[in-house]
Protein backbone atom coordinates (compact mmCIF):
# COMPACT_ATOMS: atom_id res chain seq x y z
CA UNK A 1 0.00 0.00 0.00
CA UNK A 2 1.14 3.53 -0.84
CA UNK A 3 0.57 4.68 2.75
CA UNK A 4 2.92 2.02 4.13
CA UNK A 5 5.65 3.18 1.75
CA UNK A 6 5.02 6.78 2.83
CA UNK A 7 5.28 5.74 6.50
CA UNK A 8 8.72 4.26 5.82
CA UNK A 9 9.77 7.52 4.16
CA UNK A 10 8.51 9.52 7.16
CA UNK A 11 10.45 7.33 9.61
CA UNK A 12 13.62 7.86 7.55
CA UNK A 13 13.02 11.62 7.41
CA UNK A 14 12.60 11.73 11.19
CA UNK A 15 16.01 10.09 11.63
CA UNK A 16 17.56 12.54 9.16
CA UNK A 17 15.98 15.51 10.98
CA UNK A 18 17.24 14.38 14.39
CA UNK A 19 20.75 13.81 13.03
CA UNK A 20 20.85 17.18 11.22
CA UNK A 21 19.46 19.12 14.21
CA UNK A 22 22.78 18.70 16.03
CA UNK A 23 24.38 21.03 13.47
CA UNK A 24 21.97 23.98 13.54
CA UNK A 25 23.54 27.39 14.17
CA UNK A 26 20.50 28.90 15.89
CA UNK A 27 17.65 27.78 18.15
CA UNK A 28 19.29 24.48 19.10
CA UNK A 29 16.84 24.04 21.97
CA UNK A 30 13.80 24.52 19.73
CA UNK A 31 15.03 22.06 17.13
CA UNK A 32 15.87 19.54 19.86
CA UNK A 33 12.34 19.91 21.25
CA UNK A 34 10.79 19.17 17.85
CA UNK A 35 13.26 16.31 17.38
CA UNK A 36 12.17 14.79 20.69
CA UNK A 37 8.53 14.95 19.59
CA UNK A 38 9.35 13.28 16.28
CA UNK A 39 11.32 10.51 17.97
CA UNK A 40 8.27 9.73 20.10
CA UNK A 41 6.12 9.61 16.95
CA UNK A 42 8.40 7.19 15.07
CA UNK A 43 7.44 4.07 17.16
CA UNK A 44 3.76 4.85 16.55
CA UNK A 45 4.35 4.89 12.82
CA UNK A 46 6.33 1.65 12.99
CA UNK A 47 3.42 -0.01 14.80
CA UNK A 48 0.96 1.24 12.18
CA UNK A 49 3.20 -0.11 9.45
CA UNK A 50 3.46 -3.46 11.24
CA UNK A 51 -0.32 -3.71 11.69
CA UNK A 52 -0.84 -2.80 8.01
CA UNK A 53 -3.69 -0.45 8.86
CA UNK A 54 -6.22 -0.27 6.05
CA UNK A 55 -6.19 2.76 3.80
CA UNK A 56 -8.91 5.34 4.34
CA UNK A 57 -9.29 8.95 3.28
CA UNK A 58 -8.63 10.17 6.83
CA UNK A 59 -5.62 7.88 7.31
CA UNK A 60 -4.11 8.86 3.96
CA UNK A 61 -4.68 12.54 4.75
CA UNK A 62 -2.85 12.13 8.08
CA UNK A 63 0.11 10.41 6.41
CA UNK A 64 0.22 13.09 3.70
CA UNK A 65 0.34 15.87 6.32
CA UNK A 66 3.04 14.08 8.32
CA UNK A 67 5.12 13.49 5.20
CA UNK A 68 4.83 17.11 4.06
CA UNK A 69 5.45 18.78 7.42
CA UNK A 70 8.35 16.57 8.50
CA UNK A 71 10.01 17.08 5.11
CA UNK A 72 9.54 20.84 5.55
CA UNK A 73 11.03 20.63 9.05
CA UNK A 74 14.01 18.75 7.61
CA UNK A 75 14.43 21.48 4.97
CA UNK A 76 14.36 24.12 7.72
CA UNK A 77 16.96 22.33 9.82
CA UNK A 78 19.23 22.10 6.76
CA UNK A 79 18.83 25.83 6.09
CA UNK A 80 19.65 26.61 9.70
CA UNK A 81 22.81 24.53 9.44
CA UNK A 82 24.16 26.20 6.29
CA UNK A 83 23.05 29.82 6.06
CA UNK A 84 25.04 32.66 7.61
CA UNK A 85 24.60 33.28 11.33
CA UNK A 86 23.55 36.90 10.85
CA UNK A 87 20.98 35.89 8.23
CA UNK A 88 19.49 33.32 10.59
CA UNK A 89 19.45 35.80 13.47
CA UNK A 90 17.54 38.46 11.55
CA UNK A 91 15.14 35.73 10.41
CA UNK A 92 14.71 34.25 13.90
CA UNK A 93 11.01 35.19 14.03
CA UNK A 94 10.41 33.43 10.72
CA UNK A 95 12.30 30.34 11.91
CA UNK A 96 10.23 30.24 15.12
CA UNK A 97 7.01 30.67 13.14
CA UNK A 98 7.89 27.79 10.81
CA UNK A 99 8.78 25.54 13.75
CA UNK A 100 5.45 26.34 15.40
CA UNK A 101 3.54 25.64 12.17
CA UNK A 102 5.31 22.30 11.59
CA UNK A 103 4.70 21.20 15.18
CA UNK A 104 1.01 22.18 15.13
CA UNK A 105 0.35 20.45 11.81
CA UNK A 106 2.15 17.27 12.88
CA UNK A 107 0.08 17.24 16.06
CA UNK A 108 -3.10 17.66 14.00
CA UNK A 109 -2.08 14.78 11.74
CA UNK A 110 -1.53 12.47 14.72
CA UNK A 111 -5.10 13.19 15.76
CA UNK A 112 -6.29 11.80 12.42
CA UNK A 113 -4.51 8.46 12.84
CA UNK A 114 -6.75 5.41 13.56
CA UNK A 115 -5.19 4.70 16.95
CA UNK A 116 -8.21 2.75 18.24
CA UNK A 117 -7.69 0.06 15.58
CA UNK A 118 -3.92 0.22 15.52
CA UNK A 119 -3.23 -2.54 18.00
CA UNK A 120 -1.62 -0.06 20.40
CA UNK A 121 -2.35 -0.45 24.12
CA UNK A 122 -4.71 1.93 25.92
CA UNK A 123 -1.75 3.29 27.91
CA UNK A 124 0.21 4.01 24.73
CA UNK A 125 -2.78 5.78 23.18
CA UNK A 126 -3.13 7.95 26.29
CA UNK A 127 0.57 8.80 26.05
CA UNK A 128 0.07 9.77 22.39
CA UNK A 129 -2.80 12.07 23.38
CA UNK A 130 -0.55 13.76 25.93
CA UNK A 131 2.11 14.11 23.24
CA UNK A 132 -0.44 15.81 20.97
CA UNK A 133 -1.42 18.21 23.74
CA UNK A 134 2.24 19.04 24.43
CA UNK A 135 2.88 19.70 20.75
CA UNK A 136 -0.16 21.94 20.43
CA UNK A 137 0.93 23.93 23.48
CA UNK A 138 4.58 24.17 22.39
CA UNK A 139 5.84 27.76 22.12
CA UNK A 140 8.54 28.63 19.61
CA UNK A 141 9.53 32.29 19.81
CA UNK A 142 12.54 34.47 19.13
CA UNK A 143 14.67 34.84 22.27
CA UNK A 144 14.56 38.09 24.24
CA UNK A 145 18.03 39.05 22.96
CA UNK A 146 16.93 38.32 19.38
CA UNK A 147 13.78 40.41 19.82
CA UNK A 148 15.87 43.30 21.15
CA UNK A 149 18.09 43.15 18.07
CA UNK A 150 15.16 42.87 15.65
CA UNK A 151 13.40 45.81 17.31
CA UNK A 152 16.59 47.87 17.07
CA UNK A 153 16.97 46.96 13.39
CA UNK A 154 13.35 47.90 12.65
CA UNK A 155 13.70 51.20 14.50
CA UNK A 156 16.93 52.03 12.69
CA UNK A 157 15.36 51.36 9.28
CA UNK A 158 12.10 53.11 10.13
CA UNK A 159 13.86 56.22 11.42
CA UNK A 160 16.59 55.90 8.77
CA UNK A 161 19.03 56.01 11.66
CA UNK A 162 22.17 54.93 9.83
CA UNK A 163 24.35 56.51 12.49
CA UNK A 164 27.75 54.84 12.90
CA UNK A 165 27.52 54.52 16.69
CA UNK A 166 24.00 53.06 16.37
CA UNK A 167 25.30 50.48 13.90
CA UNK A 168 28.30 49.70 16.12
CA UNK A 169 26.05 49.09 19.15
CA UNK A 170 23.76 46.91 17.05
CA UNK A 171 26.65 44.83 15.74
CA UNK A 172 27.93 44.24 19.28
CA UNK A 173 24.47 43.01 20.32
CA UNK A 174 24.51 40.65 17.33
CA UNK A 175 27.95 39.35 18.31
CA UNK A 176 26.71 38.63 21.85
CA UNK A 177 23.60 36.86 20.56
CA UNK A 178 25.64 34.72 18.15
CA UNK A 179 28.39 33.98 20.66
CA UNK A 180 31.16 35.28 18.40
CA UNK A 181 34.13 37.49 19.25
CA UNK A 182 33.87 41.25 18.79
CA UNK A 183 37.10 41.55 16.86
CA UNK A 184 36.68 43.66 13.72
CA UNK A 185 37.94 40.89 11.42
CA UNK A 186 35.41 38.40 12.80
CA UNK A 187 32.51 40.85 12.55
CA UNK A 188 33.51 41.82 9.01
CA UNK A 189 33.63 38.13 8.00
CA UNK A 190 30.12 37.55 9.39
CA UNK A 191 28.79 40.59 7.54
CA UNK A 192 30.39 39.47 4.28
CA UNK A 193 28.77 36.04 4.62
CA UNK A 194 25.42 37.74 5.28
CA UNK A 195 25.78 39.92 2.17
CA UNK A 196 26.73 36.87 0.10
CA UNK A 197 23.61 35.10 1.36
CA UNK A 198 21.40 37.99 0.24
CA UNK A 199 22.91 38.07 -3.24
CA UNK A 200 21.52 34.57 -3.76
CA UNK A 201 18.10 35.43 -2.33
CA UNK A 202 15.32 34.73 -4.82
CA UNK A 203 12.47 36.24 -2.79
CA UNK A 204 12.52 39.87 -3.96
CA UNK A 205 10.51 41.24 -1.04
CA UNK A 206 12.84 39.60 1.47
CA UNK A 207 15.89 40.73 -0.52
CA UNK A 208 14.75 44.37 -0.29
CA UNK A 209 14.30 44.06 3.48
CA UNK A 210 17.72 42.43 3.84
CA UNK A 211 19.32 45.18 1.72
CA UNK A 212 17.97 47.72 4.22
CA UNK A 213 19.49 45.75 7.09
CA UNK A 214 22.82 45.58 5.26
CA UNK A 215 22.74 49.35 4.62
CA UNK A 216 22.28 49.84 8.38
CA UNK A 217 25.02 47.41 9.44
CA UNK A 218 27.46 48.74 6.83
CA UNK A 219 27.61 51.98 8.79
CA UNK A 220 29.53 50.11 11.51
CA UNK A 221 33.30 50.40 11.82
CA UNK A 222 33.73 46.67 11.28
CA UNK A 223 31.98 46.70 7.90
CA UNK A 224 34.75 48.52 6.04
CA UNK A 225 38.42 49.31 6.39
CA UNK A 226 39.48 52.96 6.54
CA UNK A 227 40.68 52.71 2.94
CA UNK A 228 37.35 51.27 1.78
CA UNK A 229 35.48 54.08 3.54
CA UNK A 230 37.74 56.68 1.92
CA UNK A 231 37.19 55.29 -1.57
CA UNK A 232 33.43 55.20 -1.08
CA UNK A 233 33.31 58.70 0.40
CA UNK A 234 35.49 60.38 -2.24
CA UNK A 235 33.59 58.68 -5.06
CA UNK A 236 30.42 60.19 -3.61
CA UNK A 237 31.97 63.59 -2.94
CA UNK A 238 33.51 63.91 -6.40
CA UNK A 239 30.14 63.18 -8.02
CA UNK A 240 28.41 66.09 -6.25
CA UNK A 241 30.13 69.11 -7.75
CA UNK A 242 31.46 72.03 -5.73
CA UNK A 243 28.45 74.30 -5.20
CA UNK A 244 25.64 73.72 -2.68
CA UNK A 245 22.15 73.35 -4.15
CA UNK A 246 19.26 75.62 -3.22
CA UNK A 247 16.35 73.79 -1.55
CA UNK A 248 13.34 72.87 -3.68
CA UNK A 249 10.16 74.83 -3.03
CA UNK A 250 8.47 71.64 -1.78
CA UNK A 251 11.02 71.46 1.05
CA UNK A 252 9.59 74.57 2.72
CA UNK A 253 6.75 74.52 5.24
CA UNK A 254 3.93 76.81 4.02
CA UNK A 255 3.42 78.02 7.61
CA UNK A 256 6.98 78.66 8.86
CA UNK A 257 8.61 79.22 5.43
CA UNK A 258 11.55 77.14 6.71
CA UNK A 259 12.90 73.85 5.34
CA UNK A 260 11.03 71.04 7.09
CA UNK A 261 12.58 68.51 9.46
CA UNK A 262 9.48 66.37 10.04
CA UNK A 263 7.05 66.83 7.12
CA UNK A 264 3.54 65.43 7.60
CA UNK A 265 0.49 65.26 5.34
CA UNK A 266 -2.92 66.45 6.53
CA UNK A 267 -6.23 64.91 5.46
CA UNK A 268 -6.33 67.43 2.58
CA UNK A 269 -3.06 66.10 1.15
CA UNK A 270 -1.07 69.26 1.97
CA UNK A 271 2.29 68.88 3.72
CA UNK A 272 3.50 70.94 6.69
CA UNK A 273 6.16 70.82 9.39
CA UNK A 274 4.65 68.65 12.15
CA UNK A 275 5.22 71.12 14.99
CA UNK A 276 3.79 73.99 12.91
CA UNK A 277 0.54 72.26 11.93
CA UNK A 278 0.10 70.87 15.46
CA UNK A 279 0.41 74.41 16.81
CA UNK A 280 -2.13 75.54 14.18
CA UNK A 281 -4.59 72.93 15.43
CA UNK A 282 -3.83 73.70 19.09
CA UNK A 283 -4.83 77.32 18.46
CA UNK A 284 -8.32 76.11 17.54
CA UNK A 285 -8.00 76.11 13.75
CA UNK A 286 -9.84 73.28 11.96
CA UNK A 287 -9.17 74.22 8.33
CA UNK A 288 -6.17 73.85 6.03
CA UNK A 289 -3.93 76.98 6.15
CA UNK A 290 -3.63 76.83 2.34
CA UNK A 291 -6.92 75.53 0.93
CA UNK A 292 -9.24 76.41 3.84
CA UNK A 293 -10.72 72.90 3.57
CA UNK A 294 -12.01 71.49 6.87
CA UNK A 295 -9.45 68.98 8.17
CA UNK A 296 -9.60 65.83 10.27
CA UNK A 297 -7.18 67.01 12.95
CA UNK A 298 -6.47 63.43 14.05
CA UNK A 299 -4.82 62.60 10.71
CA UNK A 300 -1.16 63.52 10.27
CA UNK A 301 0.73 61.10 8.02
CA UNK A 302 4.55 61.25 7.90
CA UNK A 303 5.68 62.20 4.38
CA UNK A 304 8.59 59.76 4.31
CA UNK A 305 9.47 60.31 0.65
CA UNK A 306 9.78 64.07 1.09
CA UNK A 307 11.70 63.67 4.34
CA UNK A 308 14.21 61.38 2.61
CA UNK A 309 14.62 63.88 -0.24
CA UNK A 310 15.28 66.68 2.26
CA UNK A 311 17.83 64.52 4.11
CA UNK A 312 19.61 63.68 0.85
CA UNK A 313 19.72 67.38 -0.08
CA UNK A 314 21.12 68.27 3.35
CA UNK A 315 23.74 65.51 3.17
CA UNK A 316 24.83 66.61 -0.31
CA UNK A 317 25.31 70.21 0.78
CA UNK A 318 27.05 69.16 4.00
CA UNK A 319 29.61 67.08 2.10
CA UNK A 320 30.31 70.04 -0.19
CA UNK A 321 30.55 72.43 2.78
CA UNK A 322 32.97 70.20 4.71
CA UNK A 323 35.18 69.69 1.65
CA UNK A 324 35.28 73.39 0.73
CA UNK A 325 35.99 74.72 4.26
CA UNK A 326 39.29 72.91 4.65
CA UNK A 327 41.14 75.32 2.39
CA UNK A 328 39.52 78.32 4.10
CA UNK A 329 40.62 77.06 7.54
CA UNK A 330 44.19 76.81 6.27
CA UNK A 331 44.09 80.33 4.81
CA UNK A 332 45.47 81.98 7.96
CA UNK A 333 42.72 84.61 8.17
CA UNK A 334 41.84 84.54 11.89
CA UNK A 335 38.27 85.77 11.46
CA UNK A 336 37.65 83.36 8.59
CA UNK A 337 39.23 80.47 10.51
CA UNK A 338 37.05 81.12 13.55
CA UNK A 339 33.90 81.29 11.41
CA UNK A 340 34.76 78.00 9.67
CA UNK A 341 35.54 76.29 12.98
CA UNK A 342 32.17 77.40 14.39
CA UNK A 343 30.43 75.99 11.31
CA UNK A 344 32.45 72.78 11.49
CA UNK A 345 31.67 72.33 15.18
CA UNK A 346 27.96 72.81 14.49
CA UNK A 347 28.03 70.15 11.77
CA UNK A 348 29.92 67.72 14.02
CA UNK A 349 27.33 68.21 16.76
CA UNK A 350 24.45 67.38 14.39
CA UNK A 351 25.26 63.87 13.22
CA UNK A 352 27.80 61.12 13.68
CA UNK A 353 27.98 60.82 9.89
CA UNK A 354 29.16 64.43 9.63
CA UNK A 355 31.99 63.66 12.04
CA UNK A 356 33.01 60.69 9.92
CA UNK A 357 33.10 62.85 6.79
CA UNK A 358 35.34 65.36 8.61
CA UNK A 359 37.73 62.53 9.53
CA UNK A 360 37.73 61.19 5.96
CA UNK A 361 38.55 64.70 4.66
CA UNK A 362 41.70 64.41 6.83
CA UNK A 363 40.89 67.42 8.99
CA UNK A 364 42.59 66.03 12.10
CA UNK A 365 46.21 66.98 11.17
CA UNK A 366 44.99 70.44 10.13
CA UNK A 367 43.11 70.95 13.39
CA UNK A 368 46.01 69.76 15.55
CA UNK A 369 48.17 72.57 14.13
CA UNK A 370 45.78 75.11 15.65
CA UNK A 371 46.32 73.81 19.20
CA UNK A 372 49.32 76.14 19.46
CA UNK A 373 47.28 79.10 18.19
CA UNK A 374 47.33 82.21 20.40
CA UNK A 375 43.62 82.87 19.90
CA UNK A 376 41.85 81.08 22.77
CA UNK A 377 38.52 80.85 20.92
CA UNK A 378 40.21 79.05 18.04
CA UNK A 379 41.95 76.62 20.42
CA UNK A 380 38.70 75.93 22.27
CA UNK A 381 36.75 75.19 19.09
CA UNK A 382 39.55 72.91 17.85
CA UNK A 383 39.64 70.96 21.13
CA UNK A 384 35.87 70.48 21.13
CA UNK A 385 35.90 69.28 17.51
CA UNK A 386 38.82 66.89 18.07
CA UNK A 387 37.12 65.38 21.13
CA UNK A 388 33.97 64.76 19.10
CA UNK A 389 35.92 63.22 16.21
CA UNK A 390 37.77 60.65 18.31
CA UNK A 391 34.84 59.68 20.54
CA UNK A 392 33.87 56.06 19.77
CA UNK A 393 35.98 56.16 16.61
CA UNK A 394 39.02 53.89 16.74
CA UNK A 395 40.21 55.00 13.29
CA UNK A 396 40.19 58.67 14.31
CA UNK A 397 42.09 57.94 17.52
């Protein structure tokens, strides 16, 4: 009978799963738990094969489910033995979800087996029922440390927080979760394996998500050598030209007339700076400042596309400003030097990425020369800037 042949295949697959589960790189405890369940199921299947239970639609359905789900579990255990550790970590929720699904479906299939006519003792059948209950109640979830990392990744992507220190902290959390050393060479190797894994990803939606994670992690110090960062930065800088661009009209808030930091759309489709439109509503206004259309004051949607465009414009102009100021600082004009240092300090205070660009432009040797300057204001600005540049930056130190 076809079902008896399928039972033999299932028993073999169970053995293969249990053997392979010793080699998984993540969730060893979860895979062991499922392996223990499957090992308790195998004797039941052997008994059914021995008794040559008659085919029926229900019996065949149960065998089909068992065959499918245990094969899928075997596929999962193989994936978790071969894929990169970082890839598996960022997919830990998916792995847990698949384990839960496999376990629940296998439990459901056991409930369809004709145990009453199987020749099994009443005690064995009771034990099987307890096994089913245990499998249904089994919880497979990402660990607390994994959830913390996934939440931090999601927040970084959502807020477009590609700050170097944020990425460094995230990578250290990943190293702790994976049980690997925090040496730069080790972290770089893990990231390279992760990137290689994504290049082979066929699921486009998942590949896009993984690309976002890579973009975040690549901001870390371990992702690139100083030389690699320099090449990437100067390729970007040289493509921008030498003159800052004026902001587009759409960048300005119609209320404040300033470039927006947090643009939001109202129910009328118009975009304003969040704080400005919230103040407008707080003053009792219910209509759009531009169109006079009555607004639903509870609706303020972040205009993420516009915000990204504004950020890109700001970054472009900041790169040009940092590059062009270096020559002015070296000009020797005390007033001009002080003005440039004030501007440079302001940029360094804004974002970690600005500080990295200053380092890549090789400002540090230039700034150090001013430590012997007679003008106290110049010395003070230089000291503040240097302290910011070397903080949490091993390359700058």
